[in-house]
């Protein structure tokens, strides 16, 4: 099984983004995932980690697409 962590900046107001990704992952892959955790952060952070590996980082990858992130997680399941 797979663990996903969505790290988001609290002061930046990224909670809605994190929740939308969490919802999409649980809807599409819920039975194949052990957890989809929201992890609070600061300083503009917005990253998605799968089993400890970063698959998305806002600073490196720019805009995110929920469907693309779900496909990336699916490929790791």
PDB file of N, CA and C in Angstrom:
ATOM      1  N   UNK A   1       0.848  -1.190   0.000  1.00  0.00           N
ATOM      2  CA  UNK A   1       0.000   0.000   0.000  1.00  0.00           C
ATOM      3  C   UNK A   1       0.883   1.239   0.000  1.00  0.00           C
ATOM      4  N   UNK A   2       0.256   2.377  -0.215  1.00  0.00           N
ATOM      5  CA  UNK A   2       0.983   3.618  -0.481  1.00  0.00           C
ATOM      6  C   UNK A   2       0.533   4.722   0.471  1.00  0.00           C
ATOM      7  N   UNK A   3       1.509   5.525   0.919  1.00  0.00           N
ATOM      8  CA  UNK A   3       1.225   6.697   1.754  1.00  0.00           C
ATOM      9  C   UNK A   3       1.500   7.961   0.953  1.00  0.00           C
ATOM     10  N   UNK A   4       0.561   8.892   0.995  1.00  0.00           N
ATOM     11  CA  UNK A   4       0.708  10.173   0.318  1.00  0.00           C
ATOM     12  C   UNK A   4       0.664  11.268   1.375  1.00  0.00           C
ATOM     13  N   UNK A   5       1.569  12.243   1.248  1.00  0.00           N
ATOM     14  CA  UNK A   5       1.560  13.410   2.134  1.00  0.00           C
ATOM     15  C   UNK A   5       1.493  14.653   1.254  1.00  0.00           C
ATOM     16  N   UNK A   6       0.552  15.525   1.568  1.00  0.00           N
ATOM     17  CA  UNK A   6       0.399  16.782   0.847  1.00  0.00           C
ATOM     18  C   UNK A   6       0.824  17.882   1.824  1.00  0.00           C
ATOM     19  N   UNK A   7       1.983  18.461   1.564  1.00  0.00           N
ATOM     20  CA  UNK A   7       2.548  19.492   2.426  1.00  0.00           C
ATOM     21  C   UNK A   7       2.160  20.854   1.855  1.00  0.00           C
ATOM     22  N   UNK A   8       1.540  21.704   2.696  1.00  0.00           N
ATOM     23  CA  UNK A   8       1.023  22.977   2.188  1.00  0.00           C
ATOM     24  C   UNK A   8       1.301  24.112   3.168  1.00  0.00           C
ATOM     25  N   UNK A   9       1.448  25.309   2.628  1.00  0.00           N
ATOM     26  CA  UNK A   9       1.710  26.502   3.414  1.00  0.00           C
ATOM     27  C   UNK A   9       0.398  27.004   4.027  1.00  0.00           C
ATOM     28  N   UNK A  10       0.356  27.031   5.363  1.00  0.00           N
ATOM     29  CA  UNK A  10      -0.836  27.506   6.058  1.00  0.00           C
ATOM     30  C   UNK A  10      -1.022  29.012   5.867  1.00  0.00           C
ATOM     31  N   UNK A  11       0.014  29.850   6.137  1.00  0.00           N
ATOM     32  CA  UNK A  11      -0.179  31.298   5.980  1.00  0.00           C
ATOM     33  C   UNK A  11      -0.547  31.720   4.552  1.00  0.00           C
ATOM     34  N   UNK A  12      -0.142  30.920   3.555  1.00  0.00           N
ATOM     35  CA  UNK A  12      -0.422  31.259   2.155  1.00  0.00           C
ATOM     36  C   UNK A  12      -1.855  30.927   1.748  1.00  0.00           C
ATOM     37  N   UNK A  13      -2.557  30.175   2.586  1.00  0.00           N
ATOM     38  CA  UNK A  13      -3.930  29.802   2.271  1.00  0.00           C
ATOM     39  C   UNK A  13      -4.041  28.658   1.275  1.00  0.00           C
ATOM     40  N   UNK A  14      -3.072  27.740   1.285  1.00  0.00           N
ATOM     41  CA  UNK A  14      -3.068  26.631   0.335  1.00  0.00           C
ATOM     42  C   UNK A  14      -3.898  25.424   0.795  1.00  0.00           C
ATOM     43  N   UNK A  15      -4.628  25.569   1.895  1.00  0.00           N
ATOM     44  CA  UNK A  15      -5.426  24.452   2.396  1.00  0.00           C
ATOM     45  C   UNK A  15      -6.435  23.972   1.352  1.00  0.00           C
ATOM     46  N   UNK A  16      -7.118  24.891   0.664  1.00  0.00           N
ATOM     47  CA  UNK A  16      -8.112  24.486  -0.339  1.00  0.00           C
ATOM     48  C   UNK A  16      -7.477  23.643  -1.437  1.00  0.00           C
ATOM     49  N   UNK A  17      -6.284  24.029  -1.890  1.00  0.00           N
ATOM     50  CA  UNK A  17      -5.572  23.247  -2.902  1.00  0.00           C
ATOM     51  C   UNK A  17      -5.267  21.849  -2.381  1.00  0.00           C
ATOM     52  N   UNK A  18      -4.747  21.806  -1.166  1.00  0.00           N
ATOM     53  CA  UNK A  18      -4.377  20.517  -0.566  1.00  0.00           C
ATOM     54  C   UNK A  18      -5.601  19.617  -0.414  1.00  0.00           C
ATOM     55  N   UNK A  19      -6.700  20.190   0.028  1.00  0.00           N
ATOM     56  CA  UNK A  19      -7.923  19.408   0.204  1.00  0.00           C
ATOM     57  C   UNK A  19      -8.478  18.912  -1.128  1.00  0.00           C
ATOM     58  N   UNK A  20      -8.370  19.715  -2.179  1.00  0.00           N
ATOM     59  CA  UNK A  20      -8.888  19.270  -3.482  1.00  0.00           C
ATOM     60  C   UNK A  20      -8.066  18.092  -4.012  1.00  0.00           C
ATOM     61  N   UNK A  21      -6.767  18.122  -3.805  1.00  0.00           N
ATOM     62  CA  UNK A  21      -5.931  16.996  -4.225  1.00  0.00           C
ATOM     63  C   UNK A  21      -6.227  15.776  -3.360  1.00  0.00           C
ATOM     64  N   UNK A  22      -6.347  15.977  -2.054  1.00  0.00           N
ATOM     65  CA  UNK A  22      -6.666  14.868  -1.151  1.00  0.00           C
ATOM     66  C   UNK A  22      -7.980  14.207  -1.560  1.00  0.00           C
ATOM     67  N   UNK A  23      -8.996  15.014  -1.821  1.00  0.00           N
ATOM     68  CA  UNK A  23     -10.303  14.482  -2.213  1.00  0.00           C
ATOM     69  C   UNK A  23     -10.206  13.687  -3.519  1.00  0.00           C
ATOM     70  N   UNK A  24      -9.503  14.234  -4.503  1.00  0.00           N
ATOM     71  CA  UNK A  24      -9.361  13.550  -5.793  1.00  0.00           C
ATOM     72  C   UNK A  24      -8.639  12.210  -5.627  1.00  0.00           C
ATOM     73  N   UNK A  25      -7.592  12.193  -4.815  1.00  0.00           N
ATOM     74  CA  UNK A  25      -6.841  10.949  -4.617  1.00  0.00           C
ATOM     75  C   UNK A  25      -7.675   9.909  -3.883  1.00  0.00           C
ATOM     76  N   UNK A  26      -8.378  10.331  -2.859  1.00  0.00           N
ATOM     77  CA  UNK A  26      -9.209   9.380  -2.110  1.00  0.00           C
ATOM     78  C   UNK A  26     -10.369   8.866  -2.949  1.00  0.00           C
ATOM     79  N   UNK A  27     -10.921   9.715  -3.795  1.00  0.00           N
ATOM     80  CA  UNK A  27     -12.015   9.290  -4.669  1.00  0.00           C
ATOM     81  C   UNK A  27     -11.522   8.293  -5.711  1.00  0.00           C
ATOM     82  N   UNK A  28     -10.385   8.588  -6.323  1.00  0.00           N
ATOM     83  CA  UNK A  28      -9.882   7.756  -7.419  1.00  0.00           C
ATOM     84  C   UNK A  28      -9.130   6.524  -6.941  1.00  0.00           C
ATOM     85  N   UNK A  29      -8.402   6.645  -5.839  1.00  0.00           N
ATOM     86  CA  UNK A  29      -7.474   5.580  -5.441  1.00  0.00           C
ATOM     87  C   UNK A  29      -7.634   5.133  -3.990  1.00  0.00           C
ATOM     88  N   UNK A  30      -8.680   5.558  -3.348  1.00  0.00           N
ATOM     89  CA  UNK A  30      -8.852   5.325  -1.914  1.00  0.00           C
ATOM     90  C   UNK A  30      -8.566   3.920  -1.437  1.00  0.00           C
ATOM     91  N   UNK A  31      -8.992   2.917  -2.174  1.00  0.00           N
ATOM     92  CA  UNK A  31      -8.802   1.527  -1.744  1.00  0.00           C
ATOM     93  C   UNK A  31      -7.349   1.077  -1.872  1.00  0.00           C
ATOM     94  N   UNK A  32      -6.562   1.799  -2.668  1.00  0.00           N
ATOM     95  CA  UNK A  32      -5.171   1.423  -2.899  1.00  0.00           C
ATOM     96  C   UNK A  32      -4.184   2.223  -2.054  1.00  0.00           C
ATOM     97  N   UNK A  33      -4.685   3.148  -1.251  1.00  0.00           N
ATOM     98  CA  UNK A  33      -3.824   4.014  -0.461  1.00  0.00           C
ATOM     99  C   UNK A  33      -3.974   3.713   1.027  1.00  0.00           C
ATOM    100  N   UNK A  34      -2.841   3.718   1.737  1.00  0.00           N
ATOM    101  CA  UNK A  34      -2.904   3.584   3.194  1.00  0.00           C
ATOM    102  C   UNK A  34      -3.356   4.888   3.827  1.00  0.00           C
ATOM    103  N   UNK A  35      -2.813   5.999   3.308  1.00  0.00           N
ATOM    104  CA  UNK A  35      -3.174   7.302   3.861  1.00  0.00           C
ATOM    105  C   UNK A  35      -2.926   8.405   2.847  1.00  0.00           C
ATOM    106  N   UNK A  36      -3.689   9.478   3.018  1.00  0.00           N
ATOM    107  CA  UNK A  36      -3.462  10.718   2.280  1.00  0.00           C
ATOM    108  C   UNK A  36      -3.504  11.812   3.341  1.00  0.00           C
ATOM    109  N   UNK A  37      -2.313  12.199   3.828  1.00  0.00           N
ATOM    110  CA  UNK A  37      -2.202  13.117   4.950  1.00  0.00           C
ATOM    111  C   UNK A  37      -1.967  14.549   4.479  1.00  0.00           C
ATOM    112  N   UNK A  38      -2.583  15.476   5.196  1.00  0.00           N
ATOM    113  CA  UNK A  38      -2.308  16.891   5.000  1.00  0.00           C
ATOM    114  C   UNK A  38      -1.273  17.293   6.045  1.00  0.00           C
ATOM    115  N   UNK A  39      -0.161  17.875   5.578  1.00  0.00           N
ATOM    116  CA  UNK A  39       0.949  18.239   6.452  1.00  0.00           C
ATOM    117  C   UNK A  39       1.137  19.744   6.381  1.00  0.00           C
ATOM    118  N   UNK A  40       1.012  20.417   7.523  1.00  0.00           N
ATOM    119  CA  UNK A  40       1.129  21.868   7.530  1.00  0.00           C
ATOM    120  C   UNK A  40       2.577  22.313   7.353  1.00  0.00           C
ATOM    121  N   UNK A  41       2.725  23.451   6.684  1.00  0.00           N
ATOM    122  CA  UNK A  41       4.040  24.020   6.446  1.00  0.00           C
ATOM    123  C   UNK A  41       3.945  25.529   6.350  1.00  0.00           C
ATOM    124  N   UNK A  42       5.033  26.134   5.900  1.00  0.00           N
ATOM    125  CA  UNK A  42       5.080  27.592   5.769  1.00  0.00           C
ATOM    126  C   UNK A  42       6.047  27.958   4.653  1.00  0.00           C
ATOM    127  N   UNK A  43       6.278  29.240   4.477  1.00  0.00           N
ATOM    128  CA  UNK A  43       7.221  29.769   3.492  1.00  0.00           C
ATOM    129  C   UNK A  43       6.888  29.359   2.059  1.00  0.00           C
ATOM    130  N   UNK A  44       5.591  29.284   1.736  1.00  0.00           N
ATOM    131  CA  UNK A  44       5.161  29.026   0.370  1.00  0.00           C
ATOM    132  C   UNK A  44       5.215  27.585  -0.088  1.00  0.00           C
ATOM    133  N   UNK A  45       5.447  26.666   0.829  1.00  0.00           N
ATOM    134  CA  UNK A  45       5.597  25.265   0.442  1.00  0.00           C
ATOM    135  C   UNK A  45       4.281  24.680  -0.091  1.00  0.00           C
ATOM    136  N   UNK A  46       4.394  23.904  -1.132  1.00  0.00           N
ATOM    137  CA  UNK A  46       3.278  23.093  -1.628  1.00  0.00           C
ATOM    138  C   UNK A  46       3.896  21.919  -2.374  1.00  0.00           C
ATOM    139  N   UNK A  47       3.893  20.762  -1.722  1.00  0.00           N
ATOM    140  CA  UNK A  47       4.528  19.563  -2.270  1.00  0.00           C
ATOM    141  C   UNK A  47       3.630  18.352  -2.053  1.00  0.00           C
ATOM    142  N   UNK A  48       3.783  17.389  -2.954  1.00  0.00           N
ATOM    143  CA  UNK A  48       3.097  16.108  -2.806  1.00  0.00           C
ATOM    144  C   UNK A  48       4.178  15.029  -2.755  1.00  0.00           C
ATOM    145  N   UNK A  49       4.107  14.215  -1.703  1.00  0.00           N
ATOM    146  CA  UNK A  49       5.079  13.144  -1.504  1.00  0.00           C
ATOM    147  C   UNK A  49       4.355  11.797  -1.554  1.00  0.00           C
ATOM    148  N   UNK A  50       4.968  10.824  -2.206  1.00  0.00           N
ATOM    149  CA  UNK A  50       4.446   9.469  -2.241  1.00  0.00           C
ATOM    150  C   UNK A  50       5.519   8.559  -1.662  1.00  0.00           C
ATOM    151  N   UNK A  51       5.182   7.903  -0.564  1.00  0.00           N
ATOM    152  CA  UNK A  51       6.126   7.033   0.135  1.00  0.00           C
ATOM    153  C   UNK A  51       7.470   7.724   0.360  1.00  0.00           C
ATOM    154  N   UNK A  52       7.421   9.006   0.721  1.00  0.00           N
ATOM    155  CA  UNK A  52       8.618   9.761   1.039  1.00  0.00           C
ATOM    156  C   UNK A  52       9.304  10.441  -0.133  1.00  0.00           C
ATOM    157  N   UNK A  53       8.929  10.087  -1.356  1.00  0.00           N
ATOM    158  CA  UNK A  53       9.520  10.708  -2.547  1.00  0.00           C
ATOM    159  C   UNK A  53       8.641  11.869  -3.012  1.00  0.00           C
ATOM    160  N   UNK A  54       9.258  12.991  -3.336  1.00  0.00           N
ATOM    161  CA  UNK A  54       8.511  14.154  -3.817  1.00  0.00           C
ATOM    162  C   UNK A  54       8.162  13.957  -5.288  1.00  0.00           C
ATOM    163  N   UNK A  55       6.857  13.984  -5.579  1.00  0.00           N
ATOM    164  CA  UNK A  55       6.431  13.850  -6.981  1.00  0.00           C
ATOM    165  C   UNK A  55       5.969  15.190  -7.551  1.00  0.00           C
ATOM    166  N   UNK A  56       5.724  16.169  -6.673  1.00  0.00           N
ATOM    167  CA  UNK A  56       5.339  17.504  -7.121  1.00  0.00           C
ATOM    168  C   UNK A  56       5.862  18.520  -6.119  1.00  0.00           C
ATOM    169  N   UNK A  57       6.464  19.587  -6.630  1.00  0.00           N
ATOM    170  CA  UNK A  57       6.929  20.701  -5.809  1.00  0.00           C
ATOM    171  C   UNK A  57       6.589  21.988  -6.555  1.00  0.00           C
ATOM    172  N   UNK A  58       5.780  22.816  -5.944  1.00  0.00           N
ATOM    173  CA  UNK A  58       5.342  24.065  -6.574  1.00  0.00           C
ATOM    174  C   UNK A  58       6.518  24.905  -7.048  1.00  0.00           C
ATOM    175  N   UNK A  59       7.582  24.934  -6.292  1.00  0.00           N
ATOM    176  CA  UNK A  59       8.744  25.748  -6.653  1.00  0.00           C
ATOM    177  C   UNK A  59       9.455  25.250  -7.906  1.00  0.00           C
ATOM    178  N   UNK A  60       9.364  23.958  -8.177  1.00  0.00           N
ATOM    179  CA  UNK A  60      10.032  23.384  -9.345  1.00  0.00           C
ATOM    180  C   UNK A  60       9.090  23.157 -10.521  1.00  0.00           C
ATOM    181  N   UNK A  61       7.828  22.815 -10.225  1.00  0.00           N
ATOM    182  CA  UNK A  61       6.905  22.386 -11.263  1.00  0.00           C
ATOM    183  C   UNK A  61       5.848  23.421 -11.638  1.00  0.00           C
ATOM    184  N   UNK A  62       5.759  24.525 -10.903  1.00  0.00           N
ATOM    185  CA  UNK A  62       4.770  25.556 -11.224  1.00  0.00           C
ATOM    186  C   UNK A  62       3.351  25.121 -10.934  1.00  0.00           C
ATOM    187  N   UNK A  63       2.447  25.405 -11.872  1.00  0.00           N
ATOM    188  CA  UNK A  63       1.031  25.085 -11.693  1.00  0.00           C
ATOM    189  C   UNK A  63       0.816  23.589 -11.565  1.00  0.00           C
ATOM    190  N   UNK A  64      -0.227  23.241 -10.841  1.00  0.00           N
ATOM    191  CA  UNK A  64      -0.551  21.833 -10.666  1.00  0.00           C
ATOM    192  C   UNK A  64      -1.872  21.525 -11.360  1.00  0.00           C
ATOM    193  N   UNK A  65      -2.023  20.271 -11.722  1.00  0.00           N
ATOM    194  CA  UNK A  65      -3.258  19.767 -12.306  1.00  0.00           C
ATOM    195  C   UNK A  65      -3.663  18.557 -11.474  1.00  0.00           C
ATOM    196  N   UNK A  66      -4.840  18.613 -10.885  1.00  0.00           N
ATOM    197  CA  UNK A  66      -5.283  17.550  -9.982  1.00  0.00           C
ATOM    198  C   UNK A  66      -5.279  16.197 -10.693  1.00  0.00           C
ATOM    199  N   UNK A  67      -5.782  16.147 -11.925  1.00  0.00           N
ATOM    200  CA  UNK A  67      -5.833  14.879 -12.653  1.00  0.00           C
ATOM    201  C   UNK A  67      -4.432  14.348 -12.942  1.00  0.00           C
ATOM    202  N   UNK A  68      -3.509  15.247 -13.267  1.00  0.00           N
ATOM    203  CA  UNK A  68      -2.127  14.832 -13.533  1.00  0.00           C
ATOM    204  C   UNK A  68      -1.466  14.294 -12.259  1.00  0.00           C
ATOM    205  N   UNK A  69      -1.724  14.954 -11.129  1.00  0.00           N
ATOM    206  CA  UNK A  69      -1.171  14.471  -9.869  1.00  0.00           C
ATOM    207  C   UNK A  69      -1.752  13.102  -9.505  1.00  0.00           C
ATOM    208  N   UNK A  70      -3.050  12.916  -9.736  1.00  0.00           N
ATOM    209  CA  UNK A  70      -3.664  11.611  -9.469  1.00  0.00           C
ATOM    210  C   UNK A  70      -3.038  10.536 -10.347  1.00  0.00           C
ATOM    211  N   UNK A  71      -2.770  10.865 -11.607  1.00  0.00           N
ATOM    212  CA  UNK A  71      -2.119   9.894 -12.503  1.00  0.00           C
ATOM    213  C   UNK A  71      -0.704   9.574 -12.036  1.00  0.00           C
ATOM    214  N   UNK A  72       0.016  10.577 -11.528  1.00  0.00           N
ATOM    215  CA  UNK A  72       1.357  10.346 -11.022  1.00  0.00           C
ATOM    216  C   UNK A  72       1.331   9.427  -9.801  1.00  0.00           C
ATOM    217  N   UNK A  73       0.370   9.655  -8.916  1.00  0.00           N
ATOM    218  CA  UNK A  73       0.239   8.785  -7.741  1.00  0.00           C
ATOM    219  C   UNK A  73      -0.174   7.387  -8.173  1.00  0.00           C
ATOM    220  N   UNK A  74      -1.112   7.287  -9.116  1.00  0.00           N
ATOM    221  CA  UNK A  74      -1.570   5.983  -9.606  1.00  0.00           C
ATOM    222  C   UNK A  74      -0.399   5.165 -10.148  1.00  0.00           C
ATOM    223  N   UNK A  75       0.536   5.819 -10.822  1.00  0.00           N
ATOM    224  CA  UNK A  75       1.682   5.101 -11.386  1.00  0.00           C
ATOM    225  C   UNK A  75       2.605   4.551 -10.303  1.00  0.00           C
ATOM    226  N   UNK A  76       2.489   5.088  -9.078  1.00  0.00           N
ATOM    227  CA  UNK A  76       3.333   4.655  -7.974  1.00  0.00           C
ATOM    228  C   UNK A  76       2.658   3.606  -7.097  1.00  0.00           C
ATOM    229  N   UNK A  77       1.372   3.389  -7.306  1.00  0.00           N
ATOM    230  CA  UNK A  77       0.599   2.434  -6.483  1.00  0.00           C
ATOM    231  C   UNK A  77       0.902   1.019  -6.921  1.00  0.00           C
TER     232      UNK A  77
END
